[in-house]
Amino acid sequence: MTIKRIGAGPRMSHAVIHGDKVYLAGYVAEAAKGQSVKEQTADILAQIDETLAEAGTDKTKILKANIWLTNIDTWAEMNEAWDAWVVPGQTPARATVEARLASPGLDVEIMVEAAI
């Protein structure tokens, strides 16, 4: 079975396609500085849409999502963007946890796996 990489870099790929699944890296907001958690989440979800399209799939085929928040108290704010984005009846399995992220100002990171 072949492996296709999207946005392959020296440390990681933006996504990896293997078989009938695509695995996305953890995405953070491109312009996180000064953005609210809701804005960061919307930014990330737009990036996920673009990568899924490049892989030949879309958000209705997401199987699993992992979400990291620097402050779990912002869970409701993150969910405002998430709930506006997901397709009712097509929601994935999902976990959300609190964690320290790689850089100050990054408050949300999202990683998904989807069927092709």
N, C-alpha and C. Protein backbone atom coordinates (compact mmCIF):
# COMPACT_ATOMS: atom_id res chain seq x y z
N MET A 1 0.84 -1.17 0.00
CA MET A 1 0.00 0.00 0.00
C MET A 1 0.89 1.24 0.00
N THR A 2 0.52 2.23 -0.80
CA THR A 2 1.34 3.43 -0.90
C THR A 2 1.02 4.43 0.20
N ILE A 3 1.97 5.30 0.45
CA ILE A 3 1.80 6.39 1.40
C ILE A 3 2.04 7.68 0.65
N LYS A 4 1.08 8.63 0.75
CA LYS A 4 1.22 9.93 0.12
C LYS A 4 1.29 10.98 1.23
N ARG A 5 2.23 11.90 1.09
CA ARG A 5 2.39 12.95 2.09
C ARG A 5 2.01 14.31 1.50
N ILE A 6 1.27 15.08 2.27
CA ILE A 6 0.88 16.43 1.86
C ILE A 6 1.67 17.40 2.73
N GLY A 7 2.35 18.34 2.08
CA GLY A 7 3.11 19.33 2.84
C GLY A 7 4.23 18.71 3.65
N ALA A 8 4.95 17.77 3.06
CA ALA A 8 6.04 17.11 3.78
C ALA A 8 7.18 18.08 4.04
N GLY A 9 7.63 18.13 5.27
CA GLY A 9 8.75 18.98 5.65
C GLY A 9 9.82 18.16 6.34
N PRO A 10 10.85 18.82 6.83
CA PRO A 10 11.95 18.09 7.46
C PRO A 10 11.57 17.44 8.79
N ARG A 11 10.55 17.97 9.47
CA ARG A 11 10.16 17.44 10.78
C ARG A 11 8.85 16.66 10.72
N MET A 12 7.92 17.10 9.87
CA MET A 12 6.59 16.48 9.83
C MET A 12 5.89 16.83 8.53
N SER A 13 4.80 16.13 8.26
CA SER A 13 3.94 16.41 7.11
C SER A 13 2.65 17.02 7.62
N HIS A 14 2.02 17.84 6.79
CA HIS A 14 0.72 18.39 7.18
C HIS A 14 -0.32 17.28 7.26
N ALA A 15 -0.19 16.30 6.35
CA ALA A 15 -1.11 15.17 6.34
C ALA A 15 -0.43 13.98 5.68
N VAL A 16 -0.90 12.79 6.04
CA VAL A 16 -0.39 11.57 5.44
C VAL A 16 -1.61 10.71 5.06
N ILE A 17 -1.59 10.27 3.80
CA ILE A 17 -2.66 9.40 3.30
C ILE A 17 -2.11 7.99 3.21
N HIS A 18 -2.82 7.06 3.82
CA HIS A 18 -2.47 5.64 3.76
C HIS A 18 -3.76 4.85 3.65
N GLY A 19 -3.85 4.05 2.60
CA GLY A 19 -5.09 3.31 2.39
C GLY A 19 -6.24 4.26 2.16
N ASP A 20 -7.31 4.05 2.89
CA ASP A 20 -8.51 4.88 2.72
C ASP A 20 -8.67 5.91 3.83
N LYS A 21 -7.54 6.30 4.47
CA LYS A 21 -7.59 7.28 5.55
C LYS A 21 -6.56 8.38 5.33
N VAL A 22 -6.88 9.55 5.85
CA VAL A 22 -5.92 10.66 5.89
C VAL A 22 -5.76 11.07 7.35
N TYR A 23 -4.51 11.24 7.75
CA TYR A 23 -4.15 11.62 9.11
C TYR A 23 -3.56 13.02 9.06
N LEU A 24 -4.19 13.97 9.71
CA LEU A 24 -3.69 15.34 9.73
C LEU A 24 -2.84 15.57 10.96
N ALA A 25 -1.81 16.39 10.80
CA ALA A 25 -0.97 16.81 11.93
C ALA A 25 -1.81 17.68 12.86
N GLY A 26 -1.25 18.00 14.00
CA GLY A 26 -1.91 18.96 14.88
C GLY A 26 -1.82 20.35 14.26
N TYR A 27 -2.96 20.97 14.03
CA TYR A 27 -3.02 22.30 13.41
C TYR A 27 -3.22 23.36 14.48
N VAL A 28 -2.52 24.48 14.32
CA VAL A 28 -2.69 25.66 15.18
C VAL A 28 -3.03 26.84 14.28
N ALA A 29 -3.54 27.90 14.87
CA ALA A 29 -3.91 29.09 14.10
C ALA A 29 -2.69 29.70 13.44
N GLU A 30 -2.85 30.14 12.20
CA GLU A 30 -1.74 30.77 11.47
C GLU A 30 -1.39 32.14 12.03
N ALA A 31 -2.38 32.85 12.53
CA ALA A 31 -2.15 34.18 13.10
C ALA A 31 -2.73 34.24 14.51
N ALA A 32 -2.22 33.37 15.38
CA ALA A 32 -2.81 33.21 16.70
C ALA A 32 -2.66 34.43 17.59
N LYS A 33 -1.59 35.18 17.43
CA LYS A 33 -1.33 36.30 18.34
C LYS A 33 -2.50 37.29 18.33
N GLY A 34 -3.08 37.49 19.49
CA GLY A 34 -4.17 38.43 19.64
C GLY A 34 -5.54 37.87 19.29
N GLN A 35 -5.59 36.63 18.81
CA GLN A 35 -6.88 36.03 18.46
C GLN A 35 -7.51 35.37 19.68
N SER A 36 -8.83 35.41 19.73
CA SER A 36 -9.55 34.70 20.78
C SER A 36 -9.51 33.20 20.49
N VAL A 37 -9.89 32.40 21.44
CA VAL A 37 -9.96 30.95 21.25
C VAL A 37 -10.93 30.62 20.12
N LYS A 38 -12.05 31.31 20.06
CA LYS A 38 -13.02 31.08 18.98
C LYS A 38 -12.39 31.39 17.62
N GLU A 39 -11.67 32.51 17.53
CA GLU A 39 -11.02 32.89 16.26
C GLU A 39 -9.92 31.90 15.88
N GLN A 40 -9.13 31.48 16.87
CA GLN A 40 -8.10 30.48 16.58
C GLN A 40 -8.72 29.19 16.09
N THR A 41 -9.81 28.77 16.72
CA THR A 41 -10.48 27.53 16.31
C THR A 41 -11.00 27.65 14.89
N ALA A 42 -11.63 28.77 14.55
CA ALA A 42 -12.14 28.96 13.19
C ALA A 42 -11.01 28.94 12.16
N ASP A 43 -9.88 29.56 12.49
CA ASP A 43 -8.70 29.56 11.62
C ASP A 43 -8.23 28.13 11.37
N ILE A 44 -8.11 27.36 12.44
CA ILE A 44 -7.66 25.96 12.34
C ILE A 44 -8.64 25.14 11.50
N LEU A 45 -9.92 25.31 11.73
CA LEU A 45 -10.92 24.53 10.99
C LEU A 45 -10.89 24.85 9.50
N ALA A 46 -10.61 26.10 9.15
CA ALA A 46 -10.46 26.47 7.73
C ALA A 46 -9.24 25.77 7.12
N GLN A 47 -8.14 25.70 7.88
CA GLN A 47 -6.96 24.98 7.40
C GLN A 47 -7.26 23.49 7.22
N ILE A 48 -8.02 22.93 8.14
CA ILE A 48 -8.39 21.52 8.05
C ILE A 48 -9.23 21.28 6.81
N ASP A 49 -10.20 22.17 6.54
CA ASP A 49 -11.01 22.07 5.33
C ASP A 49 -10.14 22.02 4.08
N GLU A 50 -9.15 22.91 4.01
CA GLU A 50 -8.26 22.98 2.84
C GLU A 50 -7.45 21.69 2.68
N THR A 51 -6.91 21.19 3.77
CA THR A 51 -6.10 19.99 3.70
C THR A 51 -6.94 18.77 3.36
N LEU A 52 -8.12 18.67 3.93
CA LEU A 52 -9.00 17.55 3.60
C LEU A 52 -9.36 17.58 2.12
N ALA A 53 -9.64 18.76 1.58
CA ALA A 53 -9.97 18.88 0.15
C ALA A 53 -8.78 18.43 -0.70
N GLU A 54 -7.57 18.83 -0.30
CA GLU A 54 -6.38 18.41 -1.04
C GLU A 54 -6.21 16.89 -0.99
N ALA A 55 -6.66 16.27 0.09
CA ALA A 55 -6.57 14.82 0.24
C ALA A 55 -7.72 14.09 -0.46
N GLY A 56 -8.70 14.85 -0.95
CA GLY A 56 -9.83 14.23 -1.65
C GLY A 56 -10.99 13.84 -0.76
N THR A 57 -11.14 14.55 0.35
CA THR A 57 -12.23 14.24 1.28
C THR A 57 -12.75 15.54 1.88
N ASP A 58 -13.60 15.45 2.90
CA ASP A 58 -14.13 16.65 3.55
C ASP A 58 -14.51 16.35 4.99
N LYS A 59 -14.97 17.39 5.69
CA LYS A 59 -15.24 17.28 7.12
C LYS A 59 -16.35 16.29 7.47
N THR A 60 -17.20 15.93 6.52
CA THR A 60 -18.25 14.94 6.81
C THR A 60 -17.67 13.54 6.96
N LYS A 61 -16.41 13.37 6.58
CA LYS A 61 -15.77 12.05 6.66
C LYS A 61 -14.75 11.96 7.79
N ILE A 62 -14.72 12.99 8.66
CA ILE A 62 -13.80 12.95 9.80
C ILE A 62 -14.29 11.85 10.76
N LEU A 63 -13.37 10.98 11.11
CA LEU A 63 -13.67 9.87 12.01
C LEU A 63 -13.38 10.22 13.46
N LYS A 64 -12.30 10.97 13.67
CA LYS A 64 -11.82 11.24 15.02
C LYS A 64 -11.16 12.61 15.07
N ALA A 65 -11.38 13.33 16.16
CA ALA A 65 -10.73 14.62 16.38
C ALA A 65 -10.17 14.66 17.79
N ASN A 66 -8.97 15.18 17.91
CA ASN A 66 -8.35 15.45 19.21
C ASN A 66 -8.14 16.96 19.29
N ILE A 67 -8.57 17.55 20.38
CA ILE A 67 -8.44 19.00 20.56
C ILE A 67 -7.72 19.26 21.87
N TRP A 68 -6.70 20.14 21.79
CA TRP A 68 -5.97 20.55 22.97
C TRP A 68 -6.23 22.04 23.20
N LEU A 69 -6.55 22.39 24.43
CA LEU A 69 -6.76 23.78 24.84
C LEU A 69 -5.78 24.12 25.95
N THR A 70 -5.20 25.30 25.91
CA THR A 70 -4.30 25.68 27.00
C THR A 70 -5.06 25.96 28.28
N ASN A 71 -6.36 26.23 28.15
CA ASN A 71 -7.19 26.49 29.32
C ASN A 71 -8.55 25.85 29.07
N ILE A 72 -8.86 24.80 29.79
CA ILE A 72 -10.11 24.06 29.57
C ILE A 72 -11.33 24.95 29.84
N ASP A 73 -11.14 26.06 30.54
CA ASP A 73 -12.25 26.99 30.78
C ASP A 73 -12.71 27.67 29.49
N THR A 74 -11.93 27.55 28.40
CA THR A 74 -12.32 28.13 27.11
C THR A 74 -13.04 27.12 26.23
N TRP A 75 -13.39 25.98 26.80
CA TRP A 75 -14.06 24.90 26.07
C TRP A 75 -15.33 25.39 25.36
N ALA A 76 -16.16 26.15 26.04
CA ALA A 76 -17.41 26.65 25.43
C ALA A 76 -17.13 27.59 24.27
N GLU A 77 -16.11 28.44 24.40
CA GLU A 77 -15.74 29.36 23.34
C GLU A 77 -15.25 28.59 22.10
N MET A 78 -14.42 27.58 22.33
CA MET A 78 -13.95 26.74 21.22
C MET A 78 -15.13 26.06 20.55
N ASN A 79 -16.07 25.57 21.36
CA ASN A 79 -17.23 24.87 20.82
C ASN A 79 -18.14 25.76 19.97
N GLU A 80 -18.13 27.07 20.22
CA GLU A 80 -18.92 27.98 19.37
C GLU A 80 -18.47 27.86 17.92
N ALA A 81 -17.17 27.88 17.70
CA ALA A 81 -16.63 27.74 16.33
C ALA A 81 -16.81 26.31 15.82
N TRP A 82 -16.54 25.34 16.67
CA TRP A 82 -16.66 23.93 16.27
C TRP A 82 -18.10 23.61 15.86
N ASP A 83 -19.06 23.99 16.69
CA ASP A 83 -20.48 23.67 16.42
C ASP A 83 -20.99 24.35 15.15
N ALA A 84 -20.47 25.53 14.84
CA ALA A 84 -20.86 26.22 13.60
C ALA A 84 -20.25 25.55 12.37
N TRP A 85 -19.17 24.80 12.57
CA TRP A 85 -18.42 24.18 11.47
C TRP A 85 -18.86 22.77 11.15
N VAL A 86 -19.10 21.95 12.16
CA VAL A 86 -19.44 20.55 11.90
C VAL A 86 -20.82 20.44 11.24
N VAL A 87 -21.00 19.36 10.51
CA VAL A 87 -22.28 19.09 9.85
C VAL A 87 -23.13 18.23 10.79
N PRO A 88 -24.31 18.70 11.16
CA PRO A 88 -25.16 17.90 12.05
C PRO A 88 -25.36 16.48 11.50
N GLY A 89 -25.24 15.51 12.39
CA GLY A 89 -25.39 14.12 12.00
C GLY A 89 -24.12 13.51 11.42
N GLN A 90 -23.08 14.33 11.20
CA GLN A 90 -21.81 13.86 10.64
C GLN A 90 -20.64 14.17 11.58
N THR A 91 -20.92 14.27 12.86
CA THR A 91 -19.89 14.64 13.83
C THR A 91 -18.99 13.45 14.13
N PRO A 92 -17.69 13.72 14.32
CA PRO A 92 -16.74 12.64 14.61
C PRO A 92 -16.69 12.29 16.09
N ALA A 93 -16.01 11.19 16.39
CA ALA A 93 -15.63 10.93 17.78
C ALA A 93 -14.63 12.03 18.13
N ARG A 94 -14.67 12.52 19.38
CA ARG A 94 -13.83 13.67 19.71
C ARG A 94 -13.42 13.64 21.16
N ALA A 95 -12.18 14.07 21.41
CA ALA A 95 -11.69 14.27 22.78
C ALA A 95 -11.12 15.67 22.87
N THR A 96 -11.34 16.33 24.00
CA THR A 96 -10.78 17.67 24.24
C THR A 96 -10.12 17.65 25.61
N VAL A 97 -8.86 18.07 25.65
CA VAL A 97 -8.12 18.08 26.90
C VAL A 97 -7.36 19.39 27.06
N GLU A 98 -6.94 19.65 28.28
CA GLU A 98 -6.12 20.82 28.56
C GLU A 98 -4.65 20.41 28.49
N ALA A 99 -3.85 21.23 27.82
CA ALA A 99 -2.42 20.95 27.69
C ALA A 99 -1.66 22.23 27.41
N ARG A 100 -0.40 22.24 27.77
CA ARG A 100 0.46 23.36 27.39
C ARG A 100 0.89 23.13 25.95
N LEU A 101 0.76 24.16 25.11
CA LEU A 101 1.12 24.03 23.70
C LEU A 101 2.53 24.57 23.45
N ALA A 102 3.03 24.38 22.24
CA ALA A 102 4.43 24.63 21.90
C ALA A 102 4.88 26.08 22.04
N SER A 103 4.00 27.03 21.81
CA SER A 103 4.41 28.44 21.85
C SER A 103 3.38 29.28 22.60
N PRO A 104 3.84 30.31 23.30
CA PRO A 104 2.89 31.22 23.96
C PRO A 104 1.98 31.86 22.91
N GLY A 105 0.72 32.02 23.25
CA GLY A 105 -0.25 32.61 22.32
C GLY A 105 -1.04 31.58 21.56
N LEU A 106 -0.51 30.37 21.46
CA LEU A 106 -1.28 29.28 20.85
C LEU A 106 -2.18 28.72 21.94
N ASP A 107 -3.49 28.79 21.72
CA ASP A 107 -4.44 28.35 22.74
C ASP A 107 -5.23 27.12 22.32
N VAL A 108 -5.13 26.75 21.04
CA VAL A 108 -5.91 25.62 20.51
C VAL A 108 -5.04 24.86 19.52
N GLU A 109 -5.11 23.54 19.58
CA GLU A 109 -4.50 22.68 18.56
C GLU A 109 -5.49 21.57 18.26
N ILE A 110 -5.66 21.26 16.98
CA ILE A 110 -6.62 20.24 16.57
C ILE A 110 -5.95 19.27 15.60
N MET A 111 -6.20 17.98 15.81
CA MET A 111 -5.69 16.92 14.96
C MET A 111 -6.87 16.03 14.58
N VAL A 112 -6.98 15.68 13.30
CA VAL A 112 -8.10 14.83 12.86
C VAL A 112 -7.60 13.67 12.00
N GLU A 113 -8.43 12.63 11.95
CA GLU A 113 -8.27 11.52 11.02
C GLU A 113 -9.58 11.42 10.25
N ALA A 114 -9.48 11.18 8.95
CA ALA A 114 -10.70 11.13 8.13
C ALA A 114 -10.61 10.00 7.11
N ALA A 115 -11.76 9.51 6.71
CA ALA A 115 -11.86 8.55 5.62
C ALA A 115 -11.74 9.31 4.31
N ILE A 116 -11.23 8.64 3.30
CA ILE A 116 -11.12 9.25 1.96
C ILE A 116 -12.37 8.87 1.19
